[in-house]
Structures are given as C-alpha cells and as structure tokens.
N, C-alpha and C. Protein backbone atom coordinates (compact mmCIF):
# COMPACT_ATOMS: atom_id res chain seq x y z
N MET A 1 -2.32 -8.59 -14.77
CA MET A 1 -1.46 -8.01 -13.81
C MET A 1 -1.23 -6.51 -14.07
N THR A 2 -1.66 -6.03 -15.19
CA THR A 2 -1.43 -4.66 -15.51
C THR A 2 -2.39 -3.72 -14.72
N ASP A 3 -3.37 -4.34 -14.04
CA ASP A 3 -4.31 -3.54 -13.20
C ASP A 3 -3.70 -3.32 -11.82
N THR A 4 -2.59 -3.87 -11.50
CA THR A 4 -1.97 -3.69 -10.18
C THR A 4 -1.53 -2.21 -9.99
N PRO A 5 -1.92 -1.61 -8.90
CA PRO A 5 -1.51 -0.20 -8.64
C PRO A 5 -0.02 -0.09 -8.52
N ASP A 6 0.47 1.12 -8.82
CA ASP A 6 1.92 1.36 -8.79
C ASP A 6 2.09 2.53 -7.82
N SER A 7 3.33 2.73 -7.46
CA SER A 7 3.68 3.91 -6.65
C SER A 7 4.18 5.06 -7.53
N LYS A 8 4.24 6.21 -7.00
CA LYS A 8 4.76 7.38 -7.79
C LYS A 8 6.23 7.23 -8.02
N ALA A 9 6.91 6.46 -7.13
CA ALA A 9 8.38 6.30 -7.30
C ALA A 9 8.75 5.15 -8.21
N GLY A 10 7.78 4.35 -8.62
CA GLY A 10 8.07 3.24 -9.49
C GLY A 10 7.21 2.03 -9.14
N THR A 11 7.56 0.90 -9.71
CA THR A 11 6.70 -0.28 -9.52
C THR A 11 6.87 -0.89 -8.12
N LEU A 12 5.81 -1.48 -7.66
CA LEU A 12 5.83 -2.21 -6.39
C LEU A 12 5.96 -3.70 -6.64
N LEU A 13 6.02 -4.04 -7.90
CA LEU A 13 6.07 -5.50 -8.24
C LEU A 13 7.52 -5.94 -8.41
N VAL A 14 7.68 -7.29 -8.11
CA VAL A 14 9.02 -7.89 -8.21
C VAL A 14 8.92 -8.96 -9.29
N ALA A 15 9.87 -9.02 -10.17
CA ALA A 15 9.96 -10.06 -11.20
C ALA A 15 10.59 -11.30 -10.49
N SER A 16 9.73 -12.36 -10.37
CA SER A 16 10.06 -13.52 -9.65
C SER A 16 10.24 -14.70 -10.63
N HIS A 17 11.36 -15.40 -10.57
CA HIS A 17 11.55 -16.61 -11.36
C HIS A 17 10.62 -17.73 -10.79
N ILE A 18 9.98 -18.49 -11.65
CA ILE A 18 9.16 -19.57 -11.17
C ILE A 18 10.10 -20.75 -10.85
N LYS A 19 10.88 -21.20 -11.83
CA LYS A 19 11.94 -22.16 -11.62
C LYS A 19 13.16 -21.35 -11.19
N PRO A 20 13.64 -21.57 -10.00
CA PRO A 20 14.75 -20.75 -9.51
C PRO A 20 15.95 -20.74 -10.46
N TRP A 21 16.64 -19.57 -10.47
CA TRP A 21 17.82 -19.35 -11.26
C TRP A 21 18.85 -20.47 -11.06
N SER A 22 19.02 -20.93 -9.84
CA SER A 22 20.03 -21.96 -9.52
C SER A 22 19.67 -23.30 -10.09
N ASP A 23 18.37 -23.54 -10.40
CA ASP A 23 17.90 -24.80 -10.94
C ASP A 23 17.66 -24.75 -12.49
N SER A 24 17.83 -23.56 -13.04
CA SER A 24 17.54 -23.36 -14.46
C SER A 24 18.76 -23.41 -15.32
N ASN A 25 18.58 -23.83 -16.57
CA ASN A 25 19.68 -23.73 -17.54
C ASN A 25 19.65 -22.29 -18.11
N ASN A 26 20.60 -22.00 -18.95
CA ASN A 26 20.74 -20.62 -19.45
C ASN A 26 19.51 -20.19 -20.23
N ASN A 27 18.91 -21.00 -21.02
CA ASN A 27 17.65 -20.66 -21.71
C ASN A 27 16.50 -20.41 -20.75
N GLU A 28 16.35 -21.26 -19.76
CA GLU A 28 15.25 -21.04 -18.78
C GLU A 28 15.45 -19.77 -17.96
N ARG A 29 16.65 -19.42 -17.68
CA ARG A 29 16.92 -18.19 -16.91
C ARG A 29 16.42 -16.95 -17.60
N ILE A 30 16.37 -16.93 -18.92
CA ILE A 30 15.99 -15.73 -19.65
C ILE A 30 14.61 -15.92 -20.32
N ASP A 31 14.01 -17.05 -20.12
CA ASP A 31 12.69 -17.32 -20.69
C ASP A 31 11.58 -16.48 -20.02
N LYS A 32 10.93 -15.66 -20.80
CA LYS A 32 9.92 -14.76 -20.26
C LYS A 32 8.81 -15.52 -19.54
N PHE A 33 8.60 -16.75 -19.87
CA PHE A 33 7.52 -17.57 -19.23
C PHE A 33 7.98 -18.14 -17.94
N ASN A 34 9.23 -18.03 -17.59
CA ASN A 34 9.75 -18.52 -16.30
C ASN A 34 9.71 -17.33 -15.27
N GLY A 35 8.67 -16.57 -15.29
CA GLY A 35 8.57 -15.43 -14.43
C GLY A 35 7.15 -15.02 -14.17
N LEU A 36 6.96 -14.42 -13.01
CA LEU A 36 5.74 -13.82 -12.58
C LEU A 36 6.04 -12.48 -11.98
N LEU A 37 5.13 -11.53 -12.12
CA LEU A 37 5.23 -10.26 -11.41
C LEU A 37 4.42 -10.40 -10.09
N LEU A 38 5.06 -10.29 -8.99
CA LEU A 38 4.41 -10.48 -7.69
C LEU A 38 4.72 -9.27 -6.81
N THR A 39 3.83 -9.03 -5.82
CA THR A 39 4.23 -8.07 -4.78
C THR A 39 5.31 -8.66 -3.92
N PRO A 40 6.08 -7.85 -3.21
CA PRO A 40 7.21 -8.35 -2.44
C PRO A 40 6.85 -9.47 -1.47
N ASN A 41 5.73 -9.36 -0.76
CA ASN A 41 5.38 -10.39 0.18
C ASN A 41 5.06 -11.70 -0.51
N LEU A 42 4.41 -11.67 -1.65
CA LEU A 42 4.12 -12.91 -2.38
C LEU A 42 5.40 -13.49 -3.02
N ASP A 43 6.28 -12.55 -3.47
CA ASP A 43 7.55 -13.00 -4.06
C ASP A 43 8.35 -13.79 -3.05
N LYS A 44 8.47 -13.29 -1.86
CA LYS A 44 9.29 -13.97 -0.81
C LYS A 44 8.67 -15.27 -0.45
N ALA A 45 7.33 -15.31 -0.23
CA ALA A 45 6.63 -16.54 0.06
C ALA A 45 6.75 -17.59 -1.04
N PHE A 46 6.67 -17.12 -2.29
CA PHE A 46 6.79 -18.00 -3.45
C PHE A 46 8.22 -18.59 -3.54
N ASP A 47 9.19 -17.67 -3.44
CA ASP A 47 10.61 -18.16 -3.48
C ASP A 47 10.96 -19.19 -2.40
N ARG A 48 10.37 -19.01 -1.26
CA ARG A 48 10.63 -19.91 -0.15
C ARG A 48 9.73 -21.16 -0.12
N GLY A 49 8.83 -21.23 -1.04
CA GLY A 49 7.93 -22.43 -1.17
C GLY A 49 6.73 -22.44 -0.30
N TYR A 50 6.37 -21.29 0.33
CA TYR A 50 5.20 -21.23 1.17
C TYR A 50 3.90 -21.06 0.35
N ILE A 51 4.02 -20.61 -0.83
CA ILE A 51 2.84 -20.54 -1.71
C ILE A 51 3.29 -21.02 -3.13
N THR A 52 2.29 -21.45 -3.87
CA THR A 52 2.42 -21.74 -5.27
C THR A 52 1.09 -21.51 -5.92
N PHE A 53 1.05 -21.82 -7.23
CA PHE A 53 -0.24 -21.58 -7.91
C PHE A 53 -0.59 -22.83 -8.70
N ASP A 54 -1.94 -23.14 -8.71
CA ASP A 54 -2.42 -24.33 -9.40
C ASP A 54 -2.61 -24.05 -10.87
N LYS A 55 -3.16 -25.05 -11.56
CA LYS A 55 -3.30 -25.01 -13.03
C LYS A 55 -4.36 -24.00 -13.48
N SER A 56 -5.11 -23.48 -12.57
CA SER A 56 -6.12 -22.42 -12.94
C SER A 56 -5.65 -21.05 -12.44
N GLY A 57 -4.39 -20.97 -11.91
CA GLY A 57 -3.89 -19.70 -11.37
C GLY A 57 -4.25 -19.42 -9.96
N GLY A 58 -4.98 -20.34 -9.31
CA GLY A 58 -5.30 -20.15 -7.91
C GLY A 58 -4.16 -20.41 -6.94
N ILE A 59 -4.14 -19.67 -5.91
CA ILE A 59 -3.07 -19.79 -4.95
C ILE A 59 -3.20 -21.05 -4.13
N ILE A 60 -2.07 -21.68 -3.78
CA ILE A 60 -2.03 -22.82 -2.83
C ILE A 60 -1.10 -22.37 -1.73
N ILE A 61 -1.62 -22.41 -0.48
CA ILE A 61 -0.82 -21.93 0.68
C ILE A 61 -0.38 -23.12 1.45
N SER A 62 0.87 -23.15 1.74
CA SER A 62 1.40 -24.32 2.56
C SER A 62 0.94 -24.20 3.98
N SER A 63 0.65 -25.31 4.60
CA SER A 63 0.28 -25.34 6.01
C SER A 63 1.45 -24.98 6.90
N GLN A 64 2.63 -24.96 6.29
CA GLN A 64 3.82 -24.61 7.09
C GLN A 64 3.98 -23.07 7.21
N LEU A 65 3.18 -22.28 6.55
CA LEU A 65 3.22 -20.82 6.66
C LEU A 65 2.30 -20.41 7.83
N ASN A 66 2.90 -19.96 8.88
CA ASN A 66 2.16 -19.43 10.01
C ASN A 66 1.53 -18.07 9.71
N SER A 67 0.22 -17.97 10.02
CA SER A 67 -0.48 -16.70 9.83
C SER A 67 -0.35 -16.07 8.51
N PRO A 68 -0.76 -16.77 7.43
CA PRO A 68 -0.69 -16.18 6.09
C PRO A 68 -1.41 -14.88 6.00
N LEU A 69 -2.58 -14.78 6.67
CA LEU A 69 -3.33 -13.52 6.57
C LEU A 69 -2.49 -12.32 7.03
N GLY A 70 -1.66 -12.53 8.04
CA GLY A 70 -0.73 -11.51 8.53
C GLY A 70 0.19 -10.98 7.48
N PHE A 71 0.40 -11.75 6.45
CA PHE A 71 1.23 -11.38 5.33
C PHE A 71 0.42 -10.96 4.08
N GLY A 72 -0.88 -10.83 4.32
CA GLY A 72 -1.80 -10.45 3.22
C GLY A 72 -2.03 -11.59 2.21
N ILE A 73 -1.80 -12.80 2.66
CA ILE A 73 -1.99 -13.96 1.80
C ILE A 73 -3.26 -14.66 2.16
N THR A 74 -4.19 -14.68 1.15
CA THR A 74 -5.51 -15.36 1.40
C THR A 74 -5.79 -16.33 0.25
N ASN A 75 -6.76 -17.18 0.51
CA ASN A 75 -7.13 -18.21 -0.52
C ASN A 75 -7.76 -17.57 -1.77
N GLU A 76 -8.20 -16.26 -1.67
CA GLU A 76 -8.89 -15.61 -2.76
C GLU A 76 -7.86 -15.11 -3.77
N LEU A 77 -6.56 -15.08 -3.45
CA LEU A 77 -5.56 -14.55 -4.38
C LEU A 77 -5.39 -15.53 -5.57
N ASN A 78 -5.23 -14.98 -6.75
CA ASN A 78 -5.04 -15.79 -7.91
C ASN A 78 -4.36 -15.01 -9.00
N ILE A 79 -3.85 -15.64 -10.00
CA ILE A 79 -3.34 -15.04 -11.19
C ILE A 79 -4.38 -15.33 -12.20
N PRO A 80 -4.93 -14.28 -12.88
CA PRO A 80 -5.97 -14.57 -13.91
C PRO A 80 -5.40 -15.52 -14.99
N VAL A 81 -6.15 -16.59 -15.24
CA VAL A 81 -5.68 -17.61 -16.17
C VAL A 81 -5.36 -17.06 -17.52
N ASN A 82 -6.01 -15.97 -17.92
CA ASN A 82 -5.73 -15.37 -19.24
C ASN A 82 -4.40 -14.64 -19.29
N LYS A 83 -3.72 -14.53 -18.12
CA LYS A 83 -2.42 -13.94 -18.01
C LYS A 83 -1.28 -14.94 -18.08
N LEU A 84 -1.69 -16.25 -18.13
CA LEU A 84 -0.73 -17.35 -18.12
C LEU A 84 -0.75 -18.06 -19.44
N ASN A 85 0.45 -18.54 -19.78
CA ASN A 85 0.66 -19.27 -21.02
C ASN A 85 0.97 -20.73 -20.65
N GLN A 86 0.83 -21.63 -21.57
CA GLN A 86 1.15 -23.05 -21.29
C GLN A 86 2.55 -23.23 -20.73
N LYS A 87 3.49 -22.41 -21.19
CA LYS A 87 4.87 -22.54 -20.66
C LYS A 87 4.93 -22.08 -19.20
N HIS A 88 4.14 -21.10 -18.82
CA HIS A 88 4.06 -20.80 -17.39
C HIS A 88 3.69 -22.00 -16.58
N PHE A 89 2.63 -22.72 -17.09
CA PHE A 89 2.19 -23.90 -16.41
C PHE A 89 3.21 -24.99 -16.23
N GLU A 90 4.09 -25.12 -17.20
CA GLU A 90 5.21 -26.11 -17.15
C GLU A 90 6.14 -25.71 -16.03
N TYR A 91 6.48 -24.47 -15.92
CA TYR A 91 7.38 -23.97 -14.81
C TYR A 91 6.64 -24.07 -13.49
N LEU A 92 5.34 -23.77 -13.46
CA LEU A 92 4.59 -23.84 -12.21
C LEU A 92 4.47 -25.33 -11.72
N ASP A 93 4.42 -26.24 -12.69
CA ASP A 93 4.39 -27.64 -12.29
C ASP A 93 5.72 -28.01 -11.54
N PHE A 94 6.84 -27.52 -12.13
CA PHE A 94 8.12 -27.73 -11.45
C PHE A 94 8.09 -27.13 -10.03
N HIS A 95 7.55 -25.92 -9.93
CA HIS A 95 7.51 -25.21 -8.62
C HIS A 95 6.68 -26.02 -7.61
N ARG A 96 5.51 -26.46 -8.02
CA ARG A 96 4.63 -27.28 -7.13
C ARG A 96 5.31 -28.50 -6.64
N LYS A 97 6.06 -29.20 -7.56
CA LYS A 97 6.72 -30.48 -7.21
C LYS A 97 8.01 -30.34 -6.42
N ARG A 98 8.76 -29.24 -6.74
CA ARG A 98 10.16 -29.20 -6.26
C ARG A 98 10.41 -28.10 -5.20
N ILE A 99 9.63 -27.01 -5.21
CA ILE A 99 9.88 -25.88 -4.38
C ILE A 99 8.81 -25.75 -3.29
N PHE A 100 7.54 -25.95 -3.62
CA PHE A 100 6.47 -25.79 -2.68
C PHE A 100 6.64 -26.74 -1.50
N ILE A 101 6.39 -26.27 -0.31
CA ILE A 101 6.43 -27.05 0.89
C ILE A 101 5.05 -27.65 1.10
N SER A 102 4.88 -28.88 0.67
CA SER A 102 3.52 -29.48 0.75
C SER A 102 3.19 -29.99 2.14
N GLU A 103 1.95 -30.39 2.31
CA GLU A 103 1.52 -30.82 3.59
C GLU A 103 2.09 -32.18 4.03
N ASP A 104 2.57 -32.94 3.10
CA ASP A 104 3.12 -34.23 3.54
C ASP A 104 4.56 -34.22 3.87
C-alpha cells in the first residue's frame, strides 16, 4: 500500500477498521491489524458492507452495489497478500460473515 499516490496536501487514504469500532472490544479497537488503508470510495463501500476481501486479498463485490464501476470498484482490485498478516485475515473473516452484504 506504500505505492499508493498521495496528494500534495496530505494522504488520500483513510484508516478503516475491519471489525467496526462498535463491535470491537478495547483491545481490538487499537489493534493495528484491525485496519486497512483504503481510498475514500473503498472505505465507504467496505464500511457499508458492499465490498470485502477474501483470504488472498482479492475484492468481493456485493451484488447489492449498483454500478460498482461508477465508484471505481472493479474485480481487479486487491490488497497484496504480502501486506496482510494472519490477524488481518481473522478480522476479515468477521467482516465477510457479519458486515458484508452477501448474495443470499
């Protein structure tokens, strides 16, 4: 994620909790592995459950998101697996099961 371009005024990335603050205990709230750096459009879609990430860092897009391409969200987006730790995957598992709006 360090290859992401920045603006002259500061970062364009948003620190996003994987397991939401409201669902986390005090340790999880400050756990560095309970976070991802995302662009604002991905952050909002992630928080609302319209996208999540699989065990290899690949994006999963909910069928409930109308026109994902209009938001710059494509199936080619991913988080490089070497940027993720096993603890990230534990939080992402929670996100896939409890936050993501699945097809069923």
